[in-house]
Amino acid sequence: MELGNRIKKFREKINMSQEELADKVYTSRQTISNWENDKTYPDINSLKLLSNIFDVSLDNLIEGDIENMKKTISESDRKGFVGLSRIYTIELIAMVISAYPLLKYAGVIGIAIWILFTIITIITAFEIEKIKKEYNIQTYKEIVAFYNNKSLTRDEKIEEKAKIPYQRFLLSILSAIIAIIVFVLLEVLIG
């Protein structure tokens, strides 16, 4: 990304230290350093402040980075979420389908195998969350939306965050219902 170089260039052009810029953007000197070294990316509010401090348009400040951000979003979505989502789905199905036979016919060893399936599935779920945080996709999406004259309102952001616990709860309930249905069907068919 080019933003780090642009921030440094604009900062040096107005003879401002990282510390001084950090004070004006309400962040730390280390954060400014991370931005300039492309280790992290400023959020939309920081970008607005930077464009005002440097007296440049936001378009000029992030020029060239929008396409890279869109590419990063699509690559991380495709590689990270699609791949792991498929694996996660397969693991969930295997966990549900294998539960009854393992518990009924394999005894203690079956329970151990089923617990192992469960642990692997949980690890995959954590990996999916780790990728979300690693790529900071939400921040990138906000920047792209802003660049396209769109942005999430505060209420929309709160609404999106509020959906997460309900979606997880409903997914847990749905998984339990499917497991019960599979148990009953297998008991009727095999039993």
N, C-alpha and C. Protein backbone atom coordinates (compact mmCIF):
# COMPACT_ATOMS: atom_id res chain seq x y z
N MET A 1 0.83 -1.17 0.00
CA MET A 1 0.00 0.00 0.00
C MET A 1 0.88 1.24 0.00
N GLU A 2 0.36 2.30 -0.50
CA GLU A 2 1.13 3.54 -0.66
C GLU A 2 0.82 4.56 0.43
N LEU A 3 -0.20 4.34 1.20
CA LEU A 3 -0.62 5.34 2.17
C LEU A 3 0.49 5.68 3.17
N GLY A 4 1.21 4.67 3.63
CA GLY A 4 2.27 4.91 4.60
C GLY A 4 3.30 5.92 4.09
N ASN A 5 3.70 5.75 2.83
CA ASN A 5 4.64 6.70 2.23
C ASN A 5 4.02 8.09 2.10
N ARG A 6 2.75 8.15 1.76
CA ARG A 6 2.07 9.44 1.61
C ARG A 6 1.98 10.17 2.95
N ILE A 7 1.62 9.44 4.00
CA ILE A 7 1.53 10.07 5.33
C ILE A 7 2.89 10.64 5.71
N LYS A 8 3.95 9.84 5.53
CA LYS A 8 5.29 10.31 5.88
C LYS A 8 5.68 11.53 5.05
N LYS A 9 5.40 11.47 3.75
CA LYS A 9 5.76 12.58 2.86
C LYS A 9 5.03 13.86 3.26
N PHE A 10 3.70 13.75 3.48
CA PHE A 10 2.92 14.94 3.87
C PHE A 10 3.34 15.45 5.23
N ARG A 11 3.65 14.54 6.16
CA ARG A 11 4.07 14.95 7.50
C ARG A 11 5.40 15.72 7.43
N GLU A 12 6.35 15.18 6.67
CA GLU A 12 7.65 15.84 6.54
C GLU A 12 7.54 17.16 5.78
N LYS A 13 6.59 17.23 4.84
CA LYS A 13 6.40 18.46 4.06
C LYS A 13 5.99 19.64 4.94
N ILE A 14 5.22 19.34 6.00
CA ILE A 14 4.80 20.42 6.90
C ILE A 14 5.68 20.48 8.16
N ASN A 15 6.83 19.80 8.10
CA ASN A 15 7.80 19.81 9.20
C ASN A 15 7.18 19.42 10.54
N MET A 16 6.50 18.29 10.56
CA MET A 16 5.83 17.84 11.77
C MET A 16 6.44 16.48 12.17
N SER A 17 6.69 16.32 13.46
CA SER A 17 7.22 15.04 13.95
C SER A 17 6.07 14.04 14.08
N GLN A 18 6.43 12.78 14.23
CA GLN A 18 5.41 11.75 14.45
C GLN A 18 4.64 12.03 15.74
N GLU A 19 5.34 12.50 16.74
CA GLU A 19 4.72 12.82 18.03
C GLU A 19 3.68 13.93 17.88
N GLU A 20 4.05 14.99 17.15
CA GLU A 20 3.13 16.11 16.94
C GLU A 20 1.90 15.67 16.14
N LEU A 21 2.14 14.85 15.11
CA LEU A 21 1.01 14.36 14.32
C LEU A 21 0.11 13.47 15.16
N ALA A 22 0.72 12.64 15.99
CA ALA A 22 -0.05 11.76 16.87
C ALA A 22 -0.97 12.57 17.78
N ASP A 23 -0.47 13.68 18.32
CA ASP A 23 -1.29 14.53 19.18
C ASP A 23 -2.49 15.10 18.42
N LYS A 24 -2.26 15.49 17.17
CA LYS A 24 -3.35 16.09 16.39
C LYS A 24 -4.38 15.06 15.91
N VAL A 25 -3.96 13.79 15.81
CA VAL A 25 -4.87 12.74 15.34
C VAL A 25 -5.39 11.92 16.53
N TYR A 26 -5.00 12.33 17.74
CA TYR A 26 -5.47 11.69 18.98
C TYR A 26 -5.08 10.21 19.03
N THR A 27 -3.81 9.97 18.75
CA THR A 27 -3.30 8.60 18.80
C THR A 27 -1.87 8.64 19.32
N SER A 28 -1.16 7.54 19.26
CA SER A 28 0.21 7.49 19.77
C SER A 28 1.23 7.64 18.64
N ARG A 29 2.46 7.97 19.02
CA ARG A 29 3.53 8.07 18.04
C ARG A 29 3.77 6.72 17.37
N GLN A 30 3.64 5.65 18.16
CA GLN A 30 3.83 4.29 17.63
C GLN A 30 2.80 3.98 16.55
N THR A 31 1.57 4.44 16.73
CA THR A 31 0.53 4.22 15.73
C THR A 31 0.90 4.93 14.42
N ILE A 32 1.39 6.16 14.54
CA ILE A 32 1.83 6.91 13.34
C ILE A 32 2.94 6.13 12.64
N SER A 33 3.90 5.64 13.41
CA SER A 33 4.99 4.85 12.86
C SER A 33 4.46 3.60 12.14
N ASN A 34 3.50 2.94 12.77
CA ASN A 34 2.90 1.75 12.14
C ASN A 34 2.21 2.10 10.84
N TRP A 35 1.53 3.24 10.80
CA TRP A 35 0.88 3.67 9.56
C TRP A 35 1.92 3.93 8.48
N GLU A 36 2.98 4.65 8.86
CA GLU A 36 4.00 5.02 7.88
C GLU A 36 4.77 3.81 7.37
N ASN A 37 4.84 2.76 8.16
CA ASN A 37 5.53 1.53 7.75
C ASN A 37 4.58 0.47 7.21
N ASP A 38 3.33 0.87 6.98
CA ASP A 38 2.29 -0.01 6.43
C ASP A 38 2.07 -1.26 7.27
N LYS A 39 2.26 -1.14 8.58
CA LYS A 39 1.96 -2.26 9.48
C LYS A 39 0.48 -2.29 9.83
N THR A 40 -0.10 -1.11 9.94
CA THR A 40 -1.54 -0.99 10.19
C THR A 40 -2.09 0.10 9.28
N TYR A 41 -3.42 0.20 9.24
CA TYR A 41 -4.07 1.17 8.36
C TYR A 41 -4.98 2.04 9.22
N PRO A 42 -4.95 3.35 9.02
CA PRO A 42 -5.80 4.22 9.85
C PRO A 42 -7.29 3.97 9.60
N ASP A 43 -8.09 4.17 10.63
CA ASP A 43 -9.53 4.07 10.45
C ASP A 43 -10.04 5.31 9.71
N ILE A 44 -11.30 5.31 9.38
CA ILE A 44 -11.85 6.37 8.53
C ILE A 44 -11.78 7.74 9.23
N ASN A 45 -12.00 7.77 10.53
CA ASN A 45 -11.93 9.06 11.25
C ASN A 45 -10.51 9.62 11.24
N SER A 46 -9.53 8.75 11.41
CA SER A 46 -8.14 9.20 11.36
C SER A 46 -7.77 9.69 9.97
N LEU A 47 -8.28 9.01 8.94
CA LEU A 47 -8.02 9.45 7.56
C LEU A 47 -8.58 10.85 7.33
N LYS A 48 -9.77 11.10 7.85
CA LYS A 48 -10.37 12.44 7.70
C LYS A 48 -9.51 13.49 8.38
N LEU A 49 -9.06 13.18 9.61
CA LEU A 49 -8.20 14.12 10.33
C LEU A 49 -6.89 14.36 9.58
N LEU A 50 -6.29 13.29 9.07
CA LEU A 50 -5.03 13.43 8.33
C LEU A 50 -5.21 14.30 7.09
N SER A 51 -6.32 14.09 6.37
CA SER A 51 -6.53 14.89 5.16
C SER A 51 -6.70 16.37 5.51
N ASN A 52 -7.35 16.66 6.64
CA ASN A 52 -7.49 18.05 7.09
C ASN A 52 -6.15 18.65 7.52
N ILE A 53 -5.37 17.89 8.28
CA ILE A 53 -4.06 18.37 8.76
C ILE A 53 -3.12 18.64 7.59
N PHE A 54 -3.12 17.73 6.62
CA PHE A 54 -2.22 17.86 5.47
C PHE A 54 -2.79 18.78 4.39
N ASP A 55 -4.04 19.21 4.58
CA ASP A 55 -4.72 20.08 3.62
C ASP A 55 -4.73 19.47 2.21
N VAL A 56 -5.11 18.18 2.17
CA VAL A 56 -5.27 17.48 0.90
C VAL A 56 -6.62 16.76 0.93
N SER A 57 -7.14 16.46 -0.23
CA SER A 57 -8.40 15.73 -0.26
C SER A 57 -8.16 14.29 0.19
N LEU A 58 -9.21 13.68 0.67
CA LEU A 58 -9.10 12.27 1.07
C LEU A 58 -8.72 11.41 -0.13
N ASP A 59 -9.27 11.75 -1.31
CA ASP A 59 -8.92 11.02 -2.53
C ASP A 59 -7.42 11.08 -2.78
N ASN A 60 -6.83 12.26 -2.63
CA ASN A 60 -5.40 12.43 -2.86
C ASN A 60 -4.59 11.67 -1.82
N LEU A 61 -5.06 11.65 -0.58
CA LEU A 61 -4.34 10.97 0.49
C LEU A 61 -4.29 9.46 0.26
N ILE A 62 -5.40 8.87 -0.12
CA ILE A 62 -5.44 7.41 -0.26
C ILE A 62 -5.37 6.94 -1.70
N GLU A 63 -5.02 7.84 -2.60
CA GLU A 63 -4.91 7.51 -4.02
C GLU A 63 -4.06 6.26 -4.22
N GLY A 64 -4.58 5.34 -5.01
CA GLY A 64 -3.86 4.11 -5.31
C GLY A 64 -4.11 3.00 -4.31
N ASP A 65 -4.58 3.33 -3.12
CA ASP A 65 -4.81 2.29 -2.12
C ASP A 65 -6.19 1.64 -2.22
N ILE A 66 -7.15 2.33 -2.80
CA ILE A 66 -8.51 1.79 -2.86
C ILE A 66 -8.53 0.46 -3.61
N GLU A 67 -7.90 0.41 -4.77
CA GLU A 67 -7.89 -0.85 -5.53
C GLU A 67 -7.18 -1.95 -4.75
N ASN A 68 -6.08 -1.59 -4.08
CA ASN A 68 -5.38 -2.58 -3.25
C ASN A 68 -6.28 -3.08 -2.12
N MET A 69 -7.04 -2.16 -1.49
CA MET A 69 -7.94 -2.56 -0.41
C MET A 69 -9.03 -3.48 -0.94
N LYS A 70 -9.61 -3.13 -2.10
CA LYS A 70 -10.64 -3.99 -2.68
C LYS A 70 -10.08 -5.36 -2.98
N LYS A 71 -8.85 -5.40 -3.51
CA LYS A 71 -8.20 -6.67 -3.82
C LYS A 71 -7.95 -7.46 -2.54
N THR A 72 -7.48 -6.76 -1.49
CA THR A 72 -7.24 -7.42 -0.20
C THR A 72 -8.53 -8.00 0.36
N ILE A 73 -9.62 -7.23 0.26
CA ILE A 73 -10.90 -7.73 0.75
C ILE A 73 -11.31 -8.97 -0.01
N SER A 74 -11.28 -8.92 -1.33
CA SER A 74 -11.75 -10.06 -2.10
C SER A 74 -10.83 -11.27 -1.92
N GLU A 75 -9.51 -11.06 -1.84
CA GLU A 75 -8.60 -12.17 -1.64
C GLU A 75 -8.80 -12.81 -0.27
N SER A 76 -8.90 -12.00 0.76
CA SER A 76 -9.08 -12.58 2.09
C SER A 76 -10.43 -13.24 2.22
N ASP A 77 -11.47 -12.63 1.59
CA ASP A 77 -12.78 -13.26 1.61
C ASP A 77 -12.72 -14.62 0.92
N ARG A 78 -12.15 -14.64 -0.28
CA ARG A 78 -12.12 -15.87 -1.06
C ARG A 78 -11.23 -16.92 -0.42
N LYS A 79 -10.00 -16.55 -0.12
CA LYS A 79 -9.05 -17.53 0.41
C LYS A 79 -9.34 -17.93 1.84
N GLY A 80 -9.59 -16.93 2.67
CA GLY A 80 -9.79 -17.21 4.09
C GLY A 80 -11.16 -17.73 4.44
N PHE A 81 -12.17 -16.93 4.10
CA PHE A 81 -13.51 -17.27 4.56
C PHE A 81 -14.15 -18.40 3.77
N VAL A 82 -14.00 -18.40 2.47
CA VAL A 82 -14.62 -19.46 1.66
C VAL A 82 -13.99 -20.80 1.99
N GLY A 83 -12.66 -20.86 1.98
CA GLY A 83 -11.98 -22.12 2.26
C GLY A 83 -12.27 -22.65 3.65
N LEU A 84 -12.09 -21.79 4.64
CA LEU A 84 -12.34 -22.24 6.02
C LEU A 84 -13.82 -22.50 6.28
N SER A 85 -14.69 -21.75 5.61
CA SER A 85 -16.12 -21.99 5.80
C SER A 85 -16.50 -23.37 5.28
N ARG A 86 -15.93 -23.77 4.15
CA ARG A 86 -16.20 -25.12 3.63
C ARG A 86 -15.70 -26.19 4.58
N ILE A 87 -14.48 -26.00 5.07
CA ILE A 87 -13.92 -26.96 6.03
C ILE A 87 -14.79 -27.01 7.28
N TYR A 88 -15.17 -25.85 7.76
CA TYR A 88 -15.99 -25.77 8.96
C TYR A 88 -17.34 -26.48 8.76
N THR A 89 -17.95 -26.29 7.59
CA THR A 89 -19.22 -26.95 7.29
C THR A 89 -19.04 -28.46 7.28
N ILE A 90 -17.99 -28.93 6.64
CA ILE A 90 -17.73 -30.38 6.60
C ILE A 90 -17.51 -30.92 8.01
N GLU A 91 -16.76 -30.18 8.81
CA GLU A 91 -16.51 -30.61 10.18
C GLU A 91 -17.80 -30.68 10.99
N LEU A 92 -18.66 -29.66 10.83
CA LEU A 92 -19.94 -29.68 11.55
C LEU A 92 -20.79 -30.87 11.13
N ILE A 93 -20.86 -31.12 9.82
CA ILE A 93 -21.65 -32.26 9.33
C ILE A 93 -21.08 -33.57 9.88
N ALA A 94 -19.76 -33.72 9.81
CA ALA A 94 -19.13 -34.94 10.32
C ALA A 94 -19.39 -35.10 11.82
N MET A 95 -19.34 -34.00 12.54
CA MET A 95 -19.57 -34.05 13.98
C MET A 95 -21.00 -34.50 14.28
N VAL A 96 -21.97 -33.95 13.55
CA VAL A 96 -23.37 -34.29 13.79
C VAL A 96 -23.66 -35.73 13.37
N ILE A 97 -23.24 -36.11 12.17
CA ILE A 97 -23.55 -37.44 11.65
C ILE A 97 -22.83 -38.53 12.44
N SER A 98 -21.62 -38.26 12.87
CA SER A 98 -20.85 -39.29 13.56
C SER A 98 -21.23 -39.45 15.03
N ALA A 99 -21.92 -38.49 15.57
CA ALA A 99 -22.20 -38.52 17.01
C ALA A 99 -22.94 -39.79 17.43
N TYR A 100 -24.03 -40.10 16.78
CA TYR A 100 -24.83 -41.26 17.18
C TYR A 100 -24.07 -42.58 17.03
N PRO A 101 -23.53 -42.88 15.86
CA PRO A 101 -22.82 -44.16 15.74
C PRO A 101 -21.63 -44.27 16.70
N LEU A 102 -20.89 -43.19 16.84
CA LEU A 102 -19.73 -43.24 17.73
C LEU A 102 -20.15 -43.47 19.18
N LEU A 103 -21.17 -42.76 19.61
CA LEU A 103 -21.60 -42.88 21.00
C LEU A 103 -22.28 -44.22 21.27
N LYS A 104 -23.03 -44.73 20.31
CA LYS A 104 -23.78 -45.98 20.52
C LYS A 104 -22.91 -47.22 20.37
N TYR A 105 -22.04 -47.25 19.36
CA TYR A 105 -21.33 -48.48 19.03
C TYR A 105 -19.87 -48.51 19.46
N ALA A 106 -19.27 -47.36 19.70
CA ALA A 106 -17.84 -47.36 20.02
C ALA A 106 -17.56 -47.05 21.48
N GLY A 107 -18.58 -46.77 22.25
CA GLY A 107 -18.40 -46.55 23.68
C GLY A 107 -17.48 -45.40 24.01
N VAL A 108 -16.56 -45.64 24.94
CA VAL A 108 -15.66 -44.60 25.42
C VAL A 108 -14.75 -44.09 24.30
N ILE A 109 -14.28 -45.00 23.46
CA ILE A 109 -13.44 -44.58 22.33
C ILE A 109 -14.23 -43.68 21.39
N GLY A 110 -15.50 -44.01 21.17
CA GLY A 110 -16.37 -43.19 20.33
C GLY A 110 -16.57 -41.79 20.90
N ILE A 111 -16.73 -41.75 22.22
CA ILE A 111 -16.87 -40.44 22.88
C ILE A 111 -15.59 -39.63 22.68
N ALA A 112 -14.44 -40.26 22.83
CA ALA A 112 -13.15 -39.57 22.65
C ALA A 112 -13.01 -39.06 21.21
N ILE A 113 -13.39 -39.87 20.24
CA ILE A 113 -13.31 -39.46 18.83
C ILE A 113 -14.26 -38.28 18.58
N TRP A 114 -15.46 -38.37 19.12
CA TRP A 114 -16.43 -37.28 18.91
C TRP A 114 -15.94 -35.98 19.57
N ILE A 115 -15.36 -36.10 20.74
CA ILE A 115 -14.79 -34.91 21.41
C ILE A 115 -13.67 -34.32 20.57
N LEU A 116 -12.86 -35.18 19.96
CA LEU A 116 -11.79 -34.71 19.08
C LEU A 116 -12.37 -33.95 17.88
N PHE A 117 -13.45 -34.49 17.25
CA PHE A 117 -14.15 -33.78 16.17
C PHE A 117 -14.59 -32.40 16.64
N THR A 118 -15.16 -32.35 17.82
CA THR A 118 -15.66 -31.09 18.38
C THR A 118 -14.53 -30.09 18.58
N ILE A 119 -13.42 -30.55 19.13
CA ILE A 119 -12.27 -29.65 19.36
C ILE A 119 -11.74 -29.12 18.04
N ILE A 120 -11.61 -29.97 17.04
CA ILE A 120 -11.12 -29.54 15.73
C ILE A 120 -12.06 -28.50 15.13
N THR A 121 -13.36 -28.72 15.27
CA THR A 121 -14.36 -27.77 14.75
C THR A 121 -14.25 -26.43 15.46
N ILE A 122 -14.05 -26.44 16.74
CA ILE A 122 -13.90 -25.21 17.51
C ILE A 122 -12.62 -24.47 17.09
N ILE A 123 -11.55 -25.21 16.88
CA ILE A 123 -10.29 -24.59 16.44
C ILE A 123 -10.49 -23.92 15.08
N THR A 124 -11.21 -24.57 14.18
CA THR A 124 -11.49 -23.97 12.87
C THR A 124 -12.29 -22.69 13.03
N ALA A 125 -13.27 -22.69 13.91
CA ALA A 125 -14.07 -21.48 14.14
C ALA A 125 -13.18 -20.35 14.66
N PHE A 126 -12.24 -20.66 15.56
CA PHE A 126 -11.31 -19.64 16.05
C PHE A 126 -10.40 -19.13 14.93
N GLU A 127 -9.98 -20.00 14.04
CA GLU A 127 -9.14 -19.59 12.91
C GLU A 127 -9.88 -18.61 12.01
N ILE A 128 -11.17 -18.86 11.79
CA ILE A 128 -11.97 -17.95 10.98
C ILE A 128 -12.01 -16.57 11.64
N GLU A 129 -12.22 -16.54 12.94
CA GLU A 129 -12.25 -15.26 13.66
C GLU A 129 -10.88 -14.58 13.62
N LYS A 130 -9.82 -15.37 13.71
CA LYS A 130 -8.46 -14.83 13.68
C LYS A 130 -8.19 -14.14 12.34
N ILE A 131 -8.64 -14.76 11.25
CA ILE A 131 -8.44 -14.15 9.93
C ILE A 131 -9.22 -12.85 9.83
N LYS A 132 -10.42 -12.80 10.35
CA LYS A 132 -11.20 -11.56 10.33
C LYS A 132 -10.44 -10.44 11.01
N LYS A 133 -9.88 -10.73 12.18
CA LYS A 133 -9.15 -9.71 12.92
C LYS A 133 -7.83 -9.36 12.23
N GLU A 134 -7.16 -10.37 11.69
CA GLU A 134 -5.86 -10.15 11.05
C GLU A 134 -5.97 -9.20 9.87
N TYR A 135 -6.99 -9.36 9.05
CA TYR A 135 -7.15 -8.51 7.88
C TYR A 135 -7.95 -7.26 8.17
N ASN A 136 -8.50 -7.16 9.36
CA ASN A 136 -9.27 -5.98 9.75
C ASN A 136 -10.24 -5.60 8.64
N ILE A 137 -10.96 -6.56 8.17
CA ILE A 137 -11.81 -6.39 7.01
C ILE A 137 -12.87 -5.32 7.22
N GLN A 138 -13.41 -5.23 8.41
CA GLN A 138 -14.44 -4.23 8.65
C GLN A 138 -13.91 -2.83 8.40
N THR A 139 -12.73 -2.54 8.86
CA THR A 139 -12.15 -1.21 8.65
C THR A 139 -11.94 -0.94 7.17
N TYR A 140 -11.42 -1.90 6.45
CA TYR A 140 -11.22 -1.74 5.01
C TYR A 140 -12.55 -1.49 4.32
N LYS A 141 -13.56 -2.24 4.69
CA LYS A 141 -14.87 -2.06 4.05
C LYS A 141 -15.44 -0.68 4.34
N GLU A 142 -15.23 -0.17 5.53
CA GLU A 142 -15.68 1.18 5.85
C GLU A 142 -14.98 2.21 4.97
N ILE A 143 -13.68 2.03 4.77
CA ILE A 143 -12.92 2.97 3.94
C ILE A 143 -13.40 2.92 2.50
N VAL A 144 -13.60 1.72 1.96
CA VAL A 144 -14.08 1.58 0.59
C VAL A 144 -15.47 2.20 0.47
N ALA A 145 -16.33 1.95 1.46
CA ALA A 145 -17.68 2.52 1.43
C ALA A 145 -17.60 4.05 1.46
N PHE A 146 -16.74 4.59 2.30
CA PHE A 146 -16.59 6.05 2.37
C PHE A 146 -16.09 6.61 1.05
N TYR A 147 -15.12 5.95 0.45
CA TYR A 147 -14.56 6.41 -0.82
C TYR A 147 -15.64 6.45 -1.90
N ASN A 148 -16.60 5.52 -1.81
CA ASN A 148 -17.71 5.48 -2.77
C ASN A 148 -18.90 6.33 -2.31
N ASN A 149 -18.62 7.31 -1.46
CA ASN A 149 -19.65 8.19 -0.90
C ASN A 149 -20.72 7.42 -0.12
N LYS A 150 -20.31 6.36 0.49
CA LYS A 150 -21.19 5.58 1.36
C LYS A 150 -20.43 5.32 2.65
N SER A 151 -21.16 5.23 3.70
CA SER A 151 -20.53 4.83 4.96
C SER A 151 -21.59 4.24 5.86
N LEU A 152 -21.14 3.39 6.74
CA LEU A 152 -22.06 2.82 7.71
C LEU A 152 -22.35 3.86 8.78
N THR A 153 -23.61 4.02 9.08
CA THR A 153 -23.95 4.93 10.16
C THR A 153 -23.60 4.26 11.47
N ARG A 154 -23.56 5.02 12.50
CA ARG A 154 -23.27 4.47 13.82
C ARG A 154 -24.29 3.39 14.17
N ASP A 155 -25.57 3.66 13.85
CA ASP A 155 -26.61 2.67 14.13
C ASP A 155 -26.40 1.38 13.34
N GLU A 156 -25.97 1.51 12.08
CA GLU A 156 -25.71 0.32 11.26
C GLU A 156 -24.56 -0.50 11.84
N LYS A 157 -23.52 0.19 12.31
CA LYS A 157 -22.40 -0.51 12.92
C LYS A 157 -22.85 -1.25 14.18
N ILE A 158 -23.63 -0.56 14.99
CA ILE A 158 -24.14 -1.17 16.24
C ILE A 158 -25.05 -2.34 15.90
N GLU A 159 -25.88 -2.16 14.89
CA GLU A 159 -26.80 -3.22 14.47
C GLU A 159 -26.04 -4.45 14.00
N GLU A 160 -24.98 -4.25 13.23
CA GLU A 160 -24.18 -5.37 12.74
C GLU A 160 -23.53 -6.12 13.91
N LYS A 161 -22.99 -5.37 14.86
CA LYS A 161 -22.35 -6.00 16.02
C LYS A 161 -23.38 -6.72 16.88
N ALA A 162 -24.60 -6.15 16.94
CA ALA A 162 -25.64 -6.75 17.76
C ALA A 162 -26.14 -8.07 17.18
N LYS A 163 -26.03 -8.25 15.87
CA LYS A 163 -26.51 -9.47 15.23
C LYS A 163 -25.64 -10.69 15.57
N ILE A 164 -24.38 -10.46 15.84
CA ILE A 164 -23.43 -11.56 16.01
C ILE A 164 -23.84 -12.53 17.12
N PRO A 165 -24.16 -12.08 18.34
CA PRO A 165 -24.54 -13.05 19.37
C PRO A 165 -25.82 -13.81 19.02
N TYR A 166 -26.79 -13.12 18.41
CA TYR A 166 -28.03 -13.80 18.03
C TYR A 166 -27.78 -14.84 16.96
N GLN A 167 -26.94 -14.51 15.99
CA GLN A 167 -26.64 -15.46 14.93
C GLN A 167 -25.94 -16.68 15.50
N ARG A 168 -25.02 -16.48 16.40
CA ARG A 168 -24.32 -17.62 17.02
C ARG A 168 -25.29 -18.46 17.84
N PHE A 169 -26.17 -17.80 18.59
CA PHE A 169 -27.15 -18.54 19.39
C PHE A 169 -28.07 -19.35 18.49
N LEU A 170 -28.58 -18.71 17.44
CA LEU A 170 -29.48 -19.42 16.53
C LEU A 170 -28.77 -20.57 15.82
N LEU A 171 -27.51 -20.38 15.46
CA LEU A 171 -26.74 -21.44 14.83
C LEU A 171 -26.56 -22.61 15.81
N SER A 172 -26.33 -22.31 17.07
CA SER A 172 -26.20 -23.37 18.07
C SER A 172 -27.50 -24.14 18.22
N ILE A 173 -28.61 -23.43 18.29
CA ILE A 173 -29.92 -24.08 18.40
C ILE A 173 -30.19 -24.94 17.17
N LEU A 174 -29.94 -24.39 15.99
CA LEU A 174 -30.15 -25.12 14.75
C LEU A 174 -29.29 -26.38 14.71
N SER A 175 -28.04 -26.27 15.13
CA SER A 175 -27.14 -27.43 15.17
C SER A 175 -27.68 -28.50 16.11
N ALA A 176 -28.17 -28.08 17.25
CA ALA A 176 -28.73 -29.03 18.22
C ALA A 176 -29.96 -29.72 17.65
N ILE A 177 -30.83 -28.97 16.99
CA ILE A 177 -32.04 -29.55 16.38
C ILE A 177 -31.66 -30.56 15.31
N ILE A 178 -30.69 -30.21 14.46
CA ILE A 178 -30.25 -31.13 13.42
C ILE A 178 -29.65 -32.38 14.04
N ALA A 179 -28.87 -32.23 15.10
CA ALA A 179 -28.28 -33.39 15.77
C ALA A 179 -29.37 -34.31 16.33
N ILE A 180 -30.39 -33.72 16.92
CA ILE A 180 -31.49 -34.52 17.48
C ILE A 180 -32.22 -35.26 16.36
N ILE A 181 -32.49 -34.58 15.25
CA ILE A 181 -33.16 -35.21 14.11
C ILE A 181 -32.32 -36.36 13.57
N VAL A 182 -31.03 -36.14 13.44
CA VAL A 182 -30.14 -37.21 12.95
C VAL A 182 -30.14 -38.38 13.93
N PHE A 183 -30.05 -38.10 15.23
CA PHE A 183 -30.10 -39.16 16.24
C PHE A 183 -31.37 -39.99 16.09
N VAL A 184 -32.50 -39.31 16.01
CA VAL A 184 -33.79 -40.01 15.92
C VAL A 184 -33.86 -40.83 14.63
N LEU A 185 -33.48 -40.24 13.51
CA LEU A 185 -33.51 -40.97 12.24
C LEU A 185 -32.59 -42.20 12.26
N LEU A 186 -31.40 -42.02 12.78
CA LEU A 186 -30.48 -43.16 12.86
C LEU A 186 -31.00 -44.25 13.82
N GLU A 187 -31.63 -43.85 14.89
CA GLU A 187 -32.19 -44.82 15.84
C GLU A 187 -33.31 -45.60 15.17
N VAL A 188 -34.15 -44.91 14.39
CA VAL A 188 -35.26 -45.57 13.69
C VAL A 188 -34.72 -46.50 12.60
N LEU A 189 -33.76 -46.01 11.82
CA LEU A 189 -33.23 -46.79 10.71
C LEU A 189 -32.32 -47.94 11.15
N ILE A 190 -31.45 -47.69 12.12
CA ILE A 190 -30.48 -48.69 12.55
C ILE A 190 -31.02 -49.49 13.73
N GLY A 191 -31.66 -48.78 14.64
CA GLY A 191 -32.09 -49.33 15.91
C GLY A 191 -32.96 -50.48 15.85
